[in-house]
Amino acid sequence: AARVLAEKMGKDLGVSIVVENKPGGGGGIGTTQVARAKPDGYTVLMGNIGPIAINFSLYQKLSYKASDLRGITNVISVPNILVVHADSPVRSASELVQLAQKRHLNAATSGVGQSPHMSSEMFRQKAGIDTTLVPFPGAAPAVTALLGQQVDYMIDNLPSSLPHIKAGKFRALAITSGKRSGLLPEVPTMTEAGIPMQVTAWFGLMAPAGTPDAVVHRLQQSARKAMQTPEVRQRFAELGGVPGGETPAEYDAFIAQERKHWARIVKTSGLSLE
């Protein structure tokens, strides 16, 4: 999705945009690189809920500060999905909670500090259950663990579990968005399933602090224009995602609220990483 957006933005801006993946450190490596980049608009970050919001309360030390970055616009928001293996006897979120009250369960998470991990932590808190969260280095190995029935369930970003749900290998129990997904209209929301929680994983563009307002505005307008093209909208829809396009001020305000929200979840969990 990032590459499709970059291609459209590049054409609009008259430049060639290179997408460089920088994994590691819960997204911190790539975030730090952009935070330290020259604030001229030529180096921007496709950040997400982990390094931009959750990490500030989860990690004791970070190599970047909130003030090192400024928002451009949100790009896409996708729900998370609670899934079990298709062979599991569990057929609803309430049945999963009941099972967890009878015996200890293990849940796969795609790393530490990312949306699936913290959604799993929130699920434990809201459902009042004690399960073990098993972190894997990414969504692919976490999904593989559930496919191999090495764990009992997982909460995953919808795009990575969707193919396995469609193939009948996973059973979707509930979705974390405020309303049901058009891709899985039969799957209830967490709230409908009796778990009072709502989570959206979001991905957006950030610029180094000090980037001129005019440059940030131009990038936001270009991104918004790209998100309105049929190709990008179709790609986002295939992922179960909702396009963004907010102004920089609106995005900064949204991020500030997300940081406060996740700080409460992290504090309740007692999690703290070095």
Protein backbone atom coordinates (compact mmCIF):
# COMPACT_ATOMS: atom_id res chain seq x y z
CA ALA A 1 0.00 0.00 0.00
CA ALA A 2 2.87 2.36 0.82
CA ARG A 3 4.48 1.75 -2.55
CA VAL A 4 1.23 2.39 -4.44
CA LEU A 5 0.78 5.65 -2.54
CA ALA A 6 4.41 6.66 -3.10
CA GLU A 7 4.11 6.09 -6.83
CA LYS A 8 1.05 8.34 -7.07
CA MET A 9 2.59 11.03 -4.88
CA GLY A 10 5.82 10.95 -6.87
CA LYS A 11 3.98 11.62 -10.11
CA ASP A 12 2.05 14.47 -8.52
CA LEU A 13 5.15 16.06 -6.99
CA GLY A 14 7.36 15.44 -10.01
CA VAL A 15 9.93 13.42 -8.09
CA SER A 16 10.93 9.79 -7.71
CA ILE A 17 10.02 8.50 -4.26
CA VAL A 18 12.07 5.59 -2.91
CA VAL A 19 10.42 3.43 -0.25
CA GLU A 20 13.08 2.06 2.11
CA ASN A 21 12.07 -0.49 4.73
CA LYS A 22 13.82 -0.01 8.08
CA PRO A 23 12.64 -2.75 10.45
CA GLY A 24 13.82 -3.24 14.00
CA GLY A 25 13.42 -1.76 17.45
CA GLY A 26 9.63 -1.83 17.30
CA GLY A 27 9.80 0.61 14.41
CA GLY A 28 12.27 2.77 16.29
CA ILE A 29 15.18 2.43 13.84
CA GLY A 30 13.32 3.92 10.90
CA THR A 31 11.63 6.51 13.09
CA THR A 32 14.96 7.66 14.51
CA GLN A 33 16.44 7.99 11.02
CA VAL A 34 13.66 10.32 9.93
CA ALA A 35 13.66 12.24 13.22
CA ARG A 36 17.33 13.08 12.60
CA ALA A 37 16.94 13.83 8.89
CA LYS A 38 17.21 17.27 7.35
CA PRO A 39 13.78 18.96 7.63
CA ASP A 40 13.40 19.74 3.95
CA GLY A 41 10.54 17.42 3.00
CA TYR A 42 12.73 14.96 1.11
CA THR A 43 12.82 12.39 3.91
CA VAL A 44 9.51 11.42 5.49
CA LEU A 45 8.28 8.51 7.56
CA MET A 46 5.42 6.12 7.03
CA GLY A 47 4.93 5.64 10.76
CA ASN A 48 2.37 3.64 12.64
CA ILE A 49 0.65 3.35 15.98
CA GLY A 50 3.61 1.52 17.56
CA PRO A 51 6.60 3.88 17.24
CA ILE A 52 4.49 7.03 16.96
CA ALA A 53 2.13 6.45 19.90
CA ILE A 54 2.59 3.29 21.99
CA ASN A 55 6.39 3.31 22.32
CA PHE A 56 6.46 6.55 24.29
CA SER A 57 4.85 4.89 27.30
CA LEU A 58 6.14 1.36 26.72
CA TYR A 59 9.89 2.00 26.48
CA GLN A 60 11.92 3.58 29.25
CA LYS A 61 14.29 5.11 26.71
CA LEU A 62 13.83 5.98 23.05
CA SER A 63 16.35 7.38 20.59
CA TYR A 64 13.79 9.96 19.46
CA LYS A 65 11.30 12.31 21.15
CA ALA A 66 7.72 13.20 20.32
CA SER A 67 8.93 16.71 19.51
CA ASP A 68 11.32 15.35 16.87
CA LEU A 69 8.47 14.70 14.44
CA ARG A 70 5.41 16.44 13.11
CA GLY A 71 2.40 14.90 11.42
CA ILE A 72 1.60 15.24 7.75
CA THR A 73 -1.53 13.12 7.44
CA ASN A 74 -2.93 9.72 8.31
CA VAL A 75 -2.83 7.37 5.32
CA ILE A 76 -4.76 4.25 6.25
CA SER A 77 -6.54 2.79 9.26
CA VAL A 78 -7.18 -0.94 9.51
CA PRO A 79 -8.91 -2.98 12.21
CA ASN A 80 -7.43 -5.89 14.08
CA ILE A 81 -9.10 -9.29 14.13
CA LEU A 82 -9.42 -11.94 16.84
CA VAL A 83 -8.86 -15.35 15.26
CA VAL A 84 -8.46 -19.00 16.23
CA HIS A 85 -7.48 -22.00 14.15
CA ALA A 86 -10.34 -23.46 12.14
CA ASP A 87 -10.02 -26.73 14.11
CA SER A 88 -10.53 -24.95 17.41
CA PRO A 89 -13.79 -25.76 19.22
CA VAL A 90 -14.14 -22.05 20.04
CA ARG A 91 -16.74 -20.33 17.87
CA SER A 92 -17.14 -16.92 19.54
CA ALA A 93 -15.24 -14.40 21.62
CA SER A 94 -17.34 -15.29 24.67
CA GLU A 95 -16.47 -18.98 24.25
CA LEU A 96 -12.78 -18.04 24.08
CA VAL A 97 -13.10 -16.11 27.33
CA GLN A 98 -14.89 -19.04 28.95
CA LEU A 99 -12.15 -21.41 27.81
CA ALA A 100 -9.48 -19.06 29.18
CA GLN A 101 -11.24 -19.17 32.55
CA LYS A 102 -11.01 -22.96 32.56
CA ARG A 103 -7.44 -23.46 31.36
CA HIS A 104 -4.42 -21.36 30.53
CA LEU A 105 -4.21 -20.14 26.93
CA ASN A 106 -1.34 -18.83 24.81
CA ALA A 107 -1.73 -16.08 22.24
CA ALA A 108 0.66 -15.14 19.43
CA THR A 109 1.56 -11.48 18.92
CA SER A 110 3.53 -9.95 16.08
CA GLY A 111 6.28 -8.36 18.13
CA VAL A 112 6.28 -6.11 21.15
CA GLY A 113 4.60 -2.71 21.25
CA GLN A 114 2.77 -2.95 17.96
CA SER A 115 -1.00 -2.73 17.63
CA PRO A 116 -1.68 -6.52 17.71
CA HIS A 117 0.39 -6.92 20.88
CA MET A 118 -1.28 -4.05 22.71
CA SER A 119 -4.71 -5.07 21.42
CA SER A 120 -4.05 -8.51 22.91
CA GLU A 121 -3.11 -6.85 26.19
CA MET A 122 -6.27 -4.75 26.09
CA PHE A 123 -8.31 -7.88 25.37
CA ARG A 124 -6.87 -9.54 28.48
CA GLN A 125 -7.74 -6.50 30.57
CA LYS A 126 -11.25 -6.00 29.23
CA ALA A 127 -12.13 -9.73 29.31
CA GLY A 128 -10.58 -10.26 32.75
CA ILE A 129 -8.50 -13.26 31.69
CA ASP A 130 -4.90 -14.27 32.30
CA THR A 131 -3.28 -15.58 29.13
CA THR A 132 0.34 -15.73 28.02
CA LEU A 133 1.23 -13.44 25.11
CA VAL A 134 3.95 -15.01 22.98
CA PRO A 135 5.83 -12.41 20.89
CA PHE A 136 7.05 -13.35 17.41
CA PRO A 137 9.34 -11.25 15.16
CA GLY A 138 6.59 -10.09 12.84
CA ALA A 139 3.12 -10.98 11.61
CA ALA A 140 4.22 -13.83 9.32
CA PRO A 141 5.80 -16.03 12.03
CA ALA A 142 2.92 -15.26 14.42
CA VAL A 143 0.41 -16.36 11.79
CA THR A 144 2.51 -19.46 11.09
CA ALA A 145 2.40 -20.36 14.79
CA LEU A 146 -1.39 -20.25 14.79
CA LEU A 147 -1.56 -22.19 11.53
CA GLY A 148 0.56 -24.85 13.24
CA GLN A 149 -1.68 -24.70 16.33
CA GLN A 150 1.31 -23.83 18.52
CA VAL A 151 -0.85 -21.15 20.17
CA ASP A 152 -4.55 -20.92 20.97
CA TYR A 153 -5.47 -17.60 19.37
CA MET A 154 -4.15 -14.28 18.16
CA ILE A 155 -5.21 -10.73 17.49
CA ASP A 156 -3.74 -9.69 14.17
CA ASN A 157 -3.92 -6.81 11.71
CA LEU A 158 -6.76 -7.77 9.39
CA PRO A 159 -4.69 -7.78 6.15
CA SER A 160 -2.28 -10.53 7.26
CA SER A 161 -4.98 -12.89 8.61
CA LEU A 162 -7.62 -12.20 5.96
CA PRO A 163 -6.28 -14.69 3.35
CA HIS A 164 -6.31 -17.48 5.95
CA ILE A 165 -9.83 -16.55 7.04
CA LYS A 166 -11.00 -16.62 3.43
CA ALA A 167 -9.22 -19.96 2.91
CA GLY A 168 -11.02 -21.48 5.89
CA LYS A 169 -7.85 -22.01 7.93
CA PHE A 170 -8.69 -19.38 10.55
CA ARG A 171 -12.02 -18.67 12.22
CA ALA A 172 -12.65 -14.97 12.86
CA LEU A 173 -14.35 -14.33 16.20
CA ALA A 174 -14.49 -10.53 16.43
CA ILE A 175 -13.12 -7.38 14.84
CA THR A 176 -11.73 -4.43 16.79
CA SER A 177 -13.24 -1.62 14.71
CA GLY A 178 -16.27 0.41 15.73
CA LYS A 179 -18.37 -1.20 13.04
CA ARG A 180 -18.24 -4.44 11.08
CA SER A 181 -15.97 -4.80 8.08
CA GLY A 182 -17.47 -5.03 4.61
CA LEU A 183 -14.94 -7.79 3.91
CA LEU A 184 -16.26 -9.89 6.81
CA PRO A 185 -19.81 -8.66 7.43
CA GLU A 186 -20.73 -11.75 9.45
CA VAL A 187 -17.98 -11.12 12.04
CA PRO A 188 -19.18 -9.05 15.03
CA THR A 189 -17.26 -6.17 16.54
CA MET A 190 -15.59 -6.73 19.89
CA THR A 191 -18.26 -4.59 21.52
CA GLU A 192 -21.02 -6.66 19.93
CA ALA A 193 -19.22 -9.76 21.19
CA GLY A 194 -19.33 -8.43 24.75
CA ILE A 195 -15.75 -7.11 24.98
CA PRO A 196 -15.85 -3.30 25.41
CA MET A 197 -12.83 -2.37 23.32
CA GLN A 198 -12.14 -0.60 20.06
CA VAL A 199 -8.77 -0.43 18.31
CA THR A 200 -7.71 0.76 14.89
CA ALA A 201 -4.19 0.25 13.63
CA TRP A 202 -3.16 3.36 11.73
CA PHE A 203 -0.31 4.26 9.40
CA GLY A 204 0.56 7.81 8.43
CA LEU A 205 3.15 10.20 7.11
CA MET A 206 5.45 12.09 9.48
CA ALA A 207 8.14 14.70 8.81
CA PRO A 208 11.14 15.83 10.87
CA ALA A 209 10.35 18.69 13.22
CA GLY A 210 11.28 21.98 11.61
CA THR A 211 9.97 21.02 8.18
CA PRO A 212 8.34 24.22 6.83
CA ASP A 213 4.56 24.45 7.02
CA ALA A 214 4.31 25.02 3.26
CA VAL A 215 6.23 21.81 2.55
CA VAL A 216 4.15 19.79 5.00
CA HIS A 217 0.95 21.20 3.50
CA ARG A 218 2.10 20.31 -0.03
CA LEU A 219 2.89 16.74 1.05
CA GLN A 220 -0.48 16.41 2.78
CA GLN A 221 -2.34 17.64 -0.28
CA SER A 222 -0.40 15.28 -2.55
CA ALA A 223 -1.07 12.31 -0.26
CA ARG A 224 -4.76 13.18 -0.01
CA LYS A 225 -4.98 13.42 -3.81
CA ALA A 226 -3.26 10.03 -4.18
CA MET A 227 -5.63 8.42 -1.67
CA GLN A 228 -8.59 9.50 -3.79
CA THR A 229 -7.38 7.70 -6.92
CA PRO A 230 -9.22 4.48 -7.87
CA GLU A 231 -6.03 2.39 -7.71
CA VAL A 232 -5.18 3.40 -4.14
CA ARG A 233 -8.77 3.20 -2.91
CA GLN A 234 -9.11 -0.29 -4.38
CA ARG A 235 -5.86 -1.43 -2.78
CA PHE A 236 -6.90 -0.03 0.59
CA ALA A 237 -10.33 -1.66 0.30
CA GLU A 238 -8.69 -5.02 -0.39
CA LEU A 239 -6.85 -4.61 2.91
CA GLY A 240 -10.02 -3.70 4.77
CA GLY A 241 -8.57 -0.24 5.30
CA VAL A 242 -10.05 3.24 5.43
CA PRO A 243 -8.09 6.08 3.75
CA GLY A 244 -7.05 9.11 5.80
CA GLY A 245 -6.24 12.54 4.44
CA GLU A 246 -6.51 14.68 7.58
CA THR A 247 -4.78 18.03 7.79
CA PRO A 248 -1.44 18.15 9.63
CA ALA A 249 -3.09 19.87 12.62
CA GLU A 250 -5.85 17.26 12.78
CA TYR A 251 -3.33 14.44 12.56
CA ASP A 252 -1.14 15.89 15.30
CA ALA A 253 -4.19 16.19 17.57
CA PHE A 254 -5.19 12.60 16.80
CA ILE A 255 -1.70 11.32 17.61
CA ALA A 256 -1.68 13.20 20.92
CA GLN A 257 -4.93 11.53 21.94
CA GLU A 258 -3.63 8.10 20.90
CA ARG A 259 -0.53 8.56 23.06
CA LYS A 260 -2.69 9.33 26.11
CA HIS A 261 -4.99 6.38 25.40
CA TRP A 262 -2.21 3.82 25.07
CA ALA A 263 -0.35 5.22 28.07
CA ARG A 264 -3.32 4.14 30.22
CA ILE A 265 -3.29 0.63 28.74
CA VAL A 266 0.48 0.27 29.21
CA LYS A 267 0.29 1.54 32.80
CA THR A 268 -2.45 -0.93 33.68
CA SER A 269 -0.49 -3.79 32.10
CA GLY A 270 2.65 -2.98 34.07
CA LEU A 271 4.74 -3.33 30.91
CA SER A 272 8.03 -1.45 30.73
CA LEU A 273 10.83 -2.10 28.26
CA GLU A 274 14.37 -0.79 28.17
